[in-house]
Amino acid sequence: MAEVAPAAARAKADKRRAPRPKKDGPTLGELVVKAVAASRERSGVSSAALKKSLVAIGYDVDKNKARVRTVIRGLVAKGTLVQIRGTGACGSYKINKNAETNAKMSAPVAAKKPAAKTSPKKVNKPEPTKKAAKSPKKVHVGGVNYIHLSVFQALPCDGGQVVLRGVQEHKTEDDPLVPF
């Protein structure tokens, strides 16, 4: 009896691991975008009218209510659709014209890129912000005498003012510049 139970457990595990075949045809998101784009109404398409058009296409909206809501919310979050009225998945929707122009502009650029080499992905690091200039300066006073100045220059957006922060006297030409 102990041998039968592990075999049954393995059979259940194999059934779970079997990949589902992908369905042919457009995704629900594509269907929603097509339905909104097909509408000529100036005030956008209401969610009820959107569901009616999906039913007309042949999609079972009653069975997949939650999926329709999440897809609509996702398209609004991506910027593909703009919500004119309402909150959540209720209200009226239009196609985002800015997203259309950005997609049209980015499509030719993507086609021109050469095939990428198979290498580990590089993480895009954000560019470091520009810091204000602060550095010690060596100034010749006369003879063998030098002084070290600590000068701070603010960024142009902050006014670009130059401020003297500190002075070290009785230095020679060979003394190293050390931040102070």
C-alpha atoms as a PDB file:
ATOM      1  CA  MET A   1       0.000   0.000   0.000  1.00  0.00           C
ATOM      2  CA  ALA A   2       2.910   2.333   0.690  1.00  0.00           C
ATOM      3  CA  GLU A   3       4.102   1.913  -2.914  1.00  0.00           C
ATOM      4  CA  VAL A   4       0.756   2.862  -4.489  1.00  0.00           C
ATOM      5  CA  ALA A   5       0.478   6.275  -2.795  1.00  0.00           C
ATOM      6  CA  PRO A   6       3.797   7.693  -4.147  1.00  0.00           C
ATOM      7  CA  ALA A   7       2.930   6.521  -7.667  1.00  0.00           C
ATOM      8  CA  ALA A   8      -0.430   8.295  -7.494  1.00  0.00           C
ATOM      9  CA  ALA A   9       1.259  11.436  -6.200  1.00  0.00           C
ATOM     10  CA  ARG A  10       3.724  11.358  -9.112  1.00  0.00           C
ATOM     11  CA  ALA A  11       0.882  10.996 -11.609  1.00  0.00           C
ATOM     12  CA  LYS A  12      -0.882  14.051 -10.134  1.00  0.00           C
ATOM     13  CA  ALA A  13       2.346  16.055 -10.258  1.00  0.00           C
ATOM     14  CA  ASP A  14       2.867  15.136 -13.928  1.00  0.00           C
ATOM     15  CA  LYS A  15      -0.644  16.315 -14.762  1.00  0.00           C
ATOM     16  CA  ARG A  16       0.013  19.683 -13.123  1.00  0.00           C
ATOM     17  CA  ARG A  17       3.285  20.183 -14.973  1.00  0.00           C
ATOM     18  CA  ALA A  18       1.816  19.668 -18.423  1.00  0.00           C
ATOM     19  CA  PRO A  19       1.869  23.053 -20.197  1.00  0.00           C
ATOM     20  CA  ARG A  20      -1.360  24.329 -21.609  1.00  0.00           C
ATOM     21  CA  PRO A  21      -1.384  24.964 -25.325  1.00  0.00           C
ATOM     22  CA  LYS A  22      -1.657  28.624 -26.255  1.00  0.00           C
ATOM     23  CA  LYS A  23      -4.929  29.660 -27.826  1.00  0.00           C
ATOM     24  CA  ASP A  24      -4.918  31.029 -31.327  1.00  0.00           C
ATOM     25  CA  GLY A  25      -6.182  34.506 -31.981  1.00  0.00           C
ATOM     26  CA  PRO A  26      -5.828  37.878 -30.319  1.00  0.00           C
ATOM     27  CA  THR A  27      -5.491  38.361 -26.583  1.00  0.00           C
ATOM     28  CA  LEU A  28      -8.225  39.947 -24.510  1.00  0.00           C
ATOM     29  CA  GLY A  29      -6.233  43.175 -24.312  1.00  0.00           C
ATOM     30  CA  GLU A  30      -6.035  43.348 -28.094  1.00  0.00           C
ATOM     31  CA  LEU A  31      -9.776  42.688 -28.357  1.00  0.00           C
ATOM     32  CA  VAL A  32     -10.530  45.522 -25.914  1.00  0.00           C
ATOM     33  CA  VAL A  33      -8.271  47.954 -27.779  1.00  0.00           C
ATOM     34  CA  LYS A  34      -9.888  47.025 -31.109  1.00  0.00           C
ATOM     35  CA  ALA A  35     -13.379  47.488 -29.665  1.00  0.00           C
ATOM     36  CA  VAL A  36     -12.521  50.928 -28.270  1.00  0.00           C
ATOM     37  CA  ALA A  37     -10.786  51.942 -31.502  1.00  0.00           C
ATOM     38  CA  ALA A  38     -13.793  50.825 -33.588  1.00  0.00           C
ATOM     39  CA  SER A  39     -16.099  53.131 -31.638  1.00  0.00           C
ATOM     40  CA  ARG A  40     -16.656  56.532 -33.207  1.00  0.00           C
ATOM     41  CA  GLU A  41     -18.220  58.097 -30.125  1.00  0.00           C
ATOM     42  CA  ARG A  42     -16.659  61.344 -29.043  1.00  0.00           C
ATOM     43  CA  SER A  43     -17.277  60.709 -25.351  1.00  0.00           C
ATOM     44  CA  GLY A  44     -15.557  57.309 -25.393  1.00  0.00           C
ATOM     45  CA  VAL A  45     -16.889  53.793 -24.866  1.00  0.00           C
ATOM     46  CA  SER A  46     -18.591  52.822 -21.615  1.00  0.00           C
ATOM     47  CA  SER A  47     -17.571  49.599 -19.903  1.00  0.00           C
ATOM     48  CA  ALA A  48     -21.051  48.156 -20.550  1.00  0.00           C
ATOM     49  CA  ALA A  49     -20.814  48.923 -24.273  1.00  0.00           C
ATOM     50  CA  LEU A  50     -17.312  47.471 -24.284  1.00  0.00           C
ATOM     51  CA  LYS A  51     -18.593  44.230 -22.754  1.00  0.00           C
ATOM     52  CA  LYS A  52     -21.423  44.092 -25.316  1.00  0.00           C
ATOM     53  CA  SER A  53     -18.932  44.424 -28.156  1.00  0.00           C
ATOM     54  CA  LEU A  54     -16.812  41.630 -26.653  1.00  0.00           C
ATOM     55  CA  VAL A  55     -19.901  39.400 -26.492  1.00  0.00           C
ATOM     56  CA  ALA A  56     -20.621  40.237 -30.139  1.00  0.00           C
ATOM     57  CA  ILE A  57     -17.102  39.122 -31.062  1.00  0.00           C
ATOM     58  CA  GLY A  58     -17.717  35.837 -29.287  1.00  0.00           C
ATOM     59  CA  TYR A  59     -15.945  36.308 -25.952  1.00  0.00           C
ATOM     60  CA  ASP A  60     -17.711  34.891 -22.873  1.00  0.00           C
ATOM     61  CA  VAL A  61     -17.853  37.979 -20.633  1.00  0.00           C
ATOM     62  CA  ASP A  62     -20.129  36.406 -17.987  1.00  0.00           C
ATOM     63  CA  LYS A  63     -17.572  33.665 -17.337  1.00  0.00           C
ATOM     64  CA  ASN A  64     -14.567  36.032 -17.354  1.00  0.00           C
ATOM     65  CA  LYS A  65     -15.827  39.188 -15.623  1.00  0.00           C
ATOM     66  CA  ALA A  66     -12.780  39.532 -13.397  1.00  0.00           C
ATOM     67  CA  ARG A  67     -10.374  39.042 -16.295  1.00  0.00           C
ATOM     68  CA  VAL A  68     -12.095  41.758 -18.323  1.00  0.00           C
ATOM     69  CA  ARG A  69     -11.878  44.181 -15.382  1.00  0.00           C
ATOM     70  CA  THR A  70      -8.174  43.481 -14.764  1.00  0.00           C
ATOM     71  CA  VAL A  71      -7.344  43.859 -18.459  1.00  0.00           C
ATOM     72  CA  ILE A  72      -9.139  47.210 -18.622  1.00  0.00           C
ATOM     73  CA  ARG A  73      -7.346  48.435 -15.501  1.00  0.00           C
ATOM     74  CA  GLY A  74      -4.032  47.219 -16.909  1.00  0.00           C
ATOM     75  CA  LEU A  75      -4.541  49.020 -20.203  1.00  0.00           C
ATOM     76  CA  VAL A  76      -5.360  52.226 -18.324  1.00  0.00           C
ATOM     77  CA  ALA A  77      -2.251  51.780 -16.150  1.00  0.00           C
ATOM     78  CA  LYS A  78      -0.052  51.207 -19.227  1.00  0.00           C
ATOM     79  CA  GLY A  79      -1.454  54.285 -20.897  1.00  0.00           C
ATOM     80  CA  THR A  80      -3.019  52.496 -23.870  1.00  0.00           C
ATOM     81  CA  LEU A  81      -6.496  53.578 -22.759  1.00  0.00           C
ATOM     82  CA  VAL A  82      -7.531  56.805 -21.081  1.00  0.00           C
ATOM     83  CA  GLN A  83     -10.369  56.724 -18.583  1.00  0.00           C
ATOM     84  CA  ILE A  84     -12.713  59.621 -19.336  1.00  0.00           C
ATOM     85  CA  ARG A  85     -15.246  59.036 -16.542  1.00  0.00           C
ATOM     86  CA  GLY A  86     -15.555  56.778 -13.519  1.00  0.00           C
ATOM     87  CA  THR A  87     -13.065  54.925 -11.353  1.00  0.00           C
ATOM     88  CA  GLY A  88     -11.588  51.436 -11.447  1.00  0.00           C
ATOM     89  CA  ALA A  89     -13.005  49.384 -14.320  1.00  0.00           C
ATOM     90  CA  CYS A  90     -16.250  51.410 -14.474  1.00  0.00           C
ATOM     91  CA  GLY A  91     -16.687  54.424 -16.675  1.00  0.00           C
ATOM     92  CA  SER A  92     -15.852  55.444 -20.232  1.00  0.00           C
ATOM     93  CA  TYR A  93     -12.606  54.871 -22.117  1.00  0.00           C
ATOM     94  CA  LYS A  94     -10.820  56.289 -25.135  1.00  0.00           C
ATOM     95  CA  ILE A  95      -7.630  55.279 -26.879  1.00  0.00           C
ATOM     96  CA  ASN A  96      -4.683  57.376 -25.716  1.00  0.00           C
ATOM     97  CA  LYS A  97      -3.591  59.317 -28.805  1.00  0.00           C
ATOM     98  CA  ASN A  98      -0.190  60.065 -27.269  1.00  0.00           C
ATOM     99  CA  ALA A  99       0.442  56.327 -26.843  1.00  0.00           C
ATOM    100  CA  GLU A 100      -0.449  55.760 -30.519  1.00  0.00           C
ATOM    101  CA  THR A 101       2.032  58.347 -31.747  1.00  0.00           C
ATOM    102  CA  ASN A 102       4.742  57.069 -29.392  1.00  0.00           C
ATOM    103  CA  ALA A 103       4.142  53.501 -30.603  1.00  0.00           C
ATOM    104  CA  LYS A 104       4.301  54.604 -34.239  1.00  0.00           C
ATOM    105  CA  MET A 105       7.519  56.498 -33.639  1.00  0.00           C
ATOM    106  CA  SER A 106       9.190  53.711 -31.666  1.00  0.00           C
ATOM    107  CA  ALA A 107       8.227  50.910 -34.074  1.00  0.00           C
ATOM    108  CA  PRO A 108      10.615  51.938 -36.913  1.00  0.00           C
ATOM    109  CA  VAL A 109      13.414  52.496 -34.416  1.00  0.00           C
ATOM    110  CA  ALA A 110      12.963  49.006 -33.001  1.00  0.00           C
ATOM    111  CA  ALA A 111      13.133  47.520 -36.512  1.00  0.00           C
ATOM    112  CA  LYS A 112      16.490  49.174 -37.228  1.00  0.00           C
ATOM    113  CA  LYS A 113      18.249  47.678 -34.193  1.00  0.00           C
ATOM    114  CA  PRO A 114      20.589  44.776 -34.998  1.00  0.00           C
ATOM    115  CA  ALA A 115      20.059  41.401 -33.386  1.00  0.00           C
ATOM    116  CA  ALA A 116      21.324  41.355 -29.836  1.00  0.00           C
ATOM    117  CA  LYS A 117      24.151  39.046 -28.876  1.00  0.00           C
ATOM    118  CA  THR A 118      23.459  36.396 -26.295  1.00  0.00           C
ATOM    119  CA  SER A 119      25.119  37.826 -23.244  1.00  0.00           C
ATOM    120  CA  PRO A 120      24.020  38.367 -19.668  1.00  0.00           C
ATOM    121  CA  LYS A 121      21.650  41.272 -19.269  1.00  0.00           C
ATOM    122  CA  LYS A 122      23.143  44.486 -18.046  1.00  0.00           C
ATOM    123  CA  VAL A 123      21.275  46.474 -15.466  1.00  0.00           C
ATOM    124  CA  ASN A 124      20.754  50.073 -16.494  1.00  0.00           C
ATOM    125  CA  LYS A 125      22.155  52.208 -13.739  1.00  0.00           C
ATOM    126  CA  PRO A 126      20.687  55.658 -13.315  1.00  0.00           C
ATOM    127  CA  GLU A 127      23.085  58.437 -14.142  1.00  0.00           C
ATOM    128  CA  PRO A 128      24.612  60.021 -11.066  1.00  0.00           C
ATOM    129  CA  THR A 129      23.327  63.487 -10.317  1.00  0.00           C
ATOM    130  CA  LYS A 130      25.757  66.313 -10.879  1.00  0.00           C
ATOM    131  CA  LYS A 131      27.271  67.565  -7.670  1.00  0.00           C
ATOM    132  CA  ALA A 132      28.313  71.084  -6.977  1.00  0.00           C
ATOM    133  CA  ALA A 133      32.039  71.760  -7.416  1.00  0.00           C
ATOM    134  CA  LYS A 134      33.961  71.813  -4.155  1.00  0.00           C
ATOM    135  CA  SER A 135      37.703  71.497  -4.291  1.00  0.00           C
ATOM    136  CA  PRO A 136      40.854  72.801  -2.675  1.00  0.00           C
ATOM    137  CA  LYS A 137      42.912  75.206  -4.780  1.00  0.00           C
ATOM    138  CA  LYS A 138      46.598  76.156  -4.483  1.00  0.00           C
ATOM    139  CA  VAL A 139      47.302  79.898  -4.772  1.00  0.00           C
ATOM    140  CA  HIS A 140      50.810  81.440  -5.065  1.00  0.00           C
ATOM    141  CA  VAL A 141      51.138  84.344  -2.639  1.00  0.00           C
ATOM    142  CA  GLY A 142      54.744  85.339  -3.343  1.00  0.00           C
ATOM    143  CA  GLY A 143      58.206  83.835  -2.990  1.00  0.00           C
ATOM    144  CA  VAL A 144      57.858  80.236  -1.848  1.00  0.00           C
ATOM    145  CA  ASN A 145      54.636  80.891   0.031  1.00  0.00           C
ATOM    146  CA  TYR A 146      51.333  79.328  -1.017  1.00  0.00           C
ATOM    147  CA  ILE A 147      47.887  79.140   0.520  1.00  0.00           C
ATOM    148  CA  HIS A 148      45.265  76.426   0.063  1.00  0.00           C
ATOM    149  CA  LEU A 149      41.673  77.554  -0.511  1.00  0.00           C
ATOM    150  CA  SER A 150      38.544  75.470  -0.202  1.00  0.00           C
ATOM    151  CA  VAL A 151      36.132  76.823  -2.816  1.00  0.00           C
ATOM    152  CA  PHE A 152      32.486  75.778  -3.287  1.00  0.00           C
ATOM    153  CA  GLN A 153      30.631  76.567  -6.520  1.00  0.00           C
ATOM    154  CA  ALA A 154      26.889  75.883  -6.533  1.00  0.00           C
ATOM    155  CA  LEU A 155      25.125  74.445  -9.547  1.00  0.00           C
ATOM    156  CA  PRO A 156      23.652  76.913 -12.063  1.00  0.00           C
ATOM    157  CA  CYS A 157      20.123  75.861 -11.111  1.00  0.00           C
ATOM    158  CA  ASP A 158      20.906  76.859  -7.506  1.00  0.00           C
ATOM    159  CA  GLY A 159      22.298  80.243  -8.464  1.00  0.00           C
ATOM    160  CA  GLY A 160      25.881  79.245  -9.363  1.00  0.00           C
ATOM    161  CA  GLN A 161      27.404  81.280  -6.529  1.00  0.00           C
ATOM    162  CA  VAL A 162      31.070  80.783  -5.614  1.00  0.00           C
ATOM    163  CA  VAL A 163      31.775  80.642  -1.866  1.00  0.00           C
ATOM    164  CA  LEU A 164      35.106  80.497  -0.049  1.00  0.00           C
ATOM    165  CA  ARG A 165      34.792  77.759   2.603  1.00  0.00           C
ATOM    166  CA  GLY A 166      38.223  77.698   4.176  1.00  0.00           C
ATOM    167  CA  VAL A 167      41.850  78.897   3.982  1.00  0.00           C
ATOM    168  CA  GLN A 168      45.100  77.158   5.012  1.00  0.00           C
ATOM    169  CA  GLU A 169      48.152  79.441   5.207  1.00  0.00           C
ATOM    170  CA  HIS A 170      51.919  78.855   5.336  1.00  0.00           C
ATOM    171  CA  LYS A 171      52.058  76.173   2.659  1.00  0.00           C
ATOM    172  CA  THR A 172      54.747  75.407   0.092  1.00  0.00           C
ATOM    173  CA  GLU A 173      54.492  74.337  -3.537  1.00  0.00           C
ATOM    174  CA  ASP A 174      55.242  70.721  -2.615  1.00  0.00           C
ATOM    175  CA  ASP A 175      52.522  70.408   0.067  1.00  0.00           C
ATOM    176  CA  PRO A 176      49.738  68.074  -1.125  1.00  0.00           C
ATOM    177  CA  LEU A 177      46.214  69.378  -1.591  1.00  0.00           C
ATOM    178  CA  VAL A 178      44.065  67.663   1.025  1.00  0.00           C
ATOM    179  CA  PRO A 179      40.310  68.342   1.181  1.00  0.00           C
ATOM    180  CA  PHE A 180      39.392  70.279   4.303  1.00  0.00           C
END
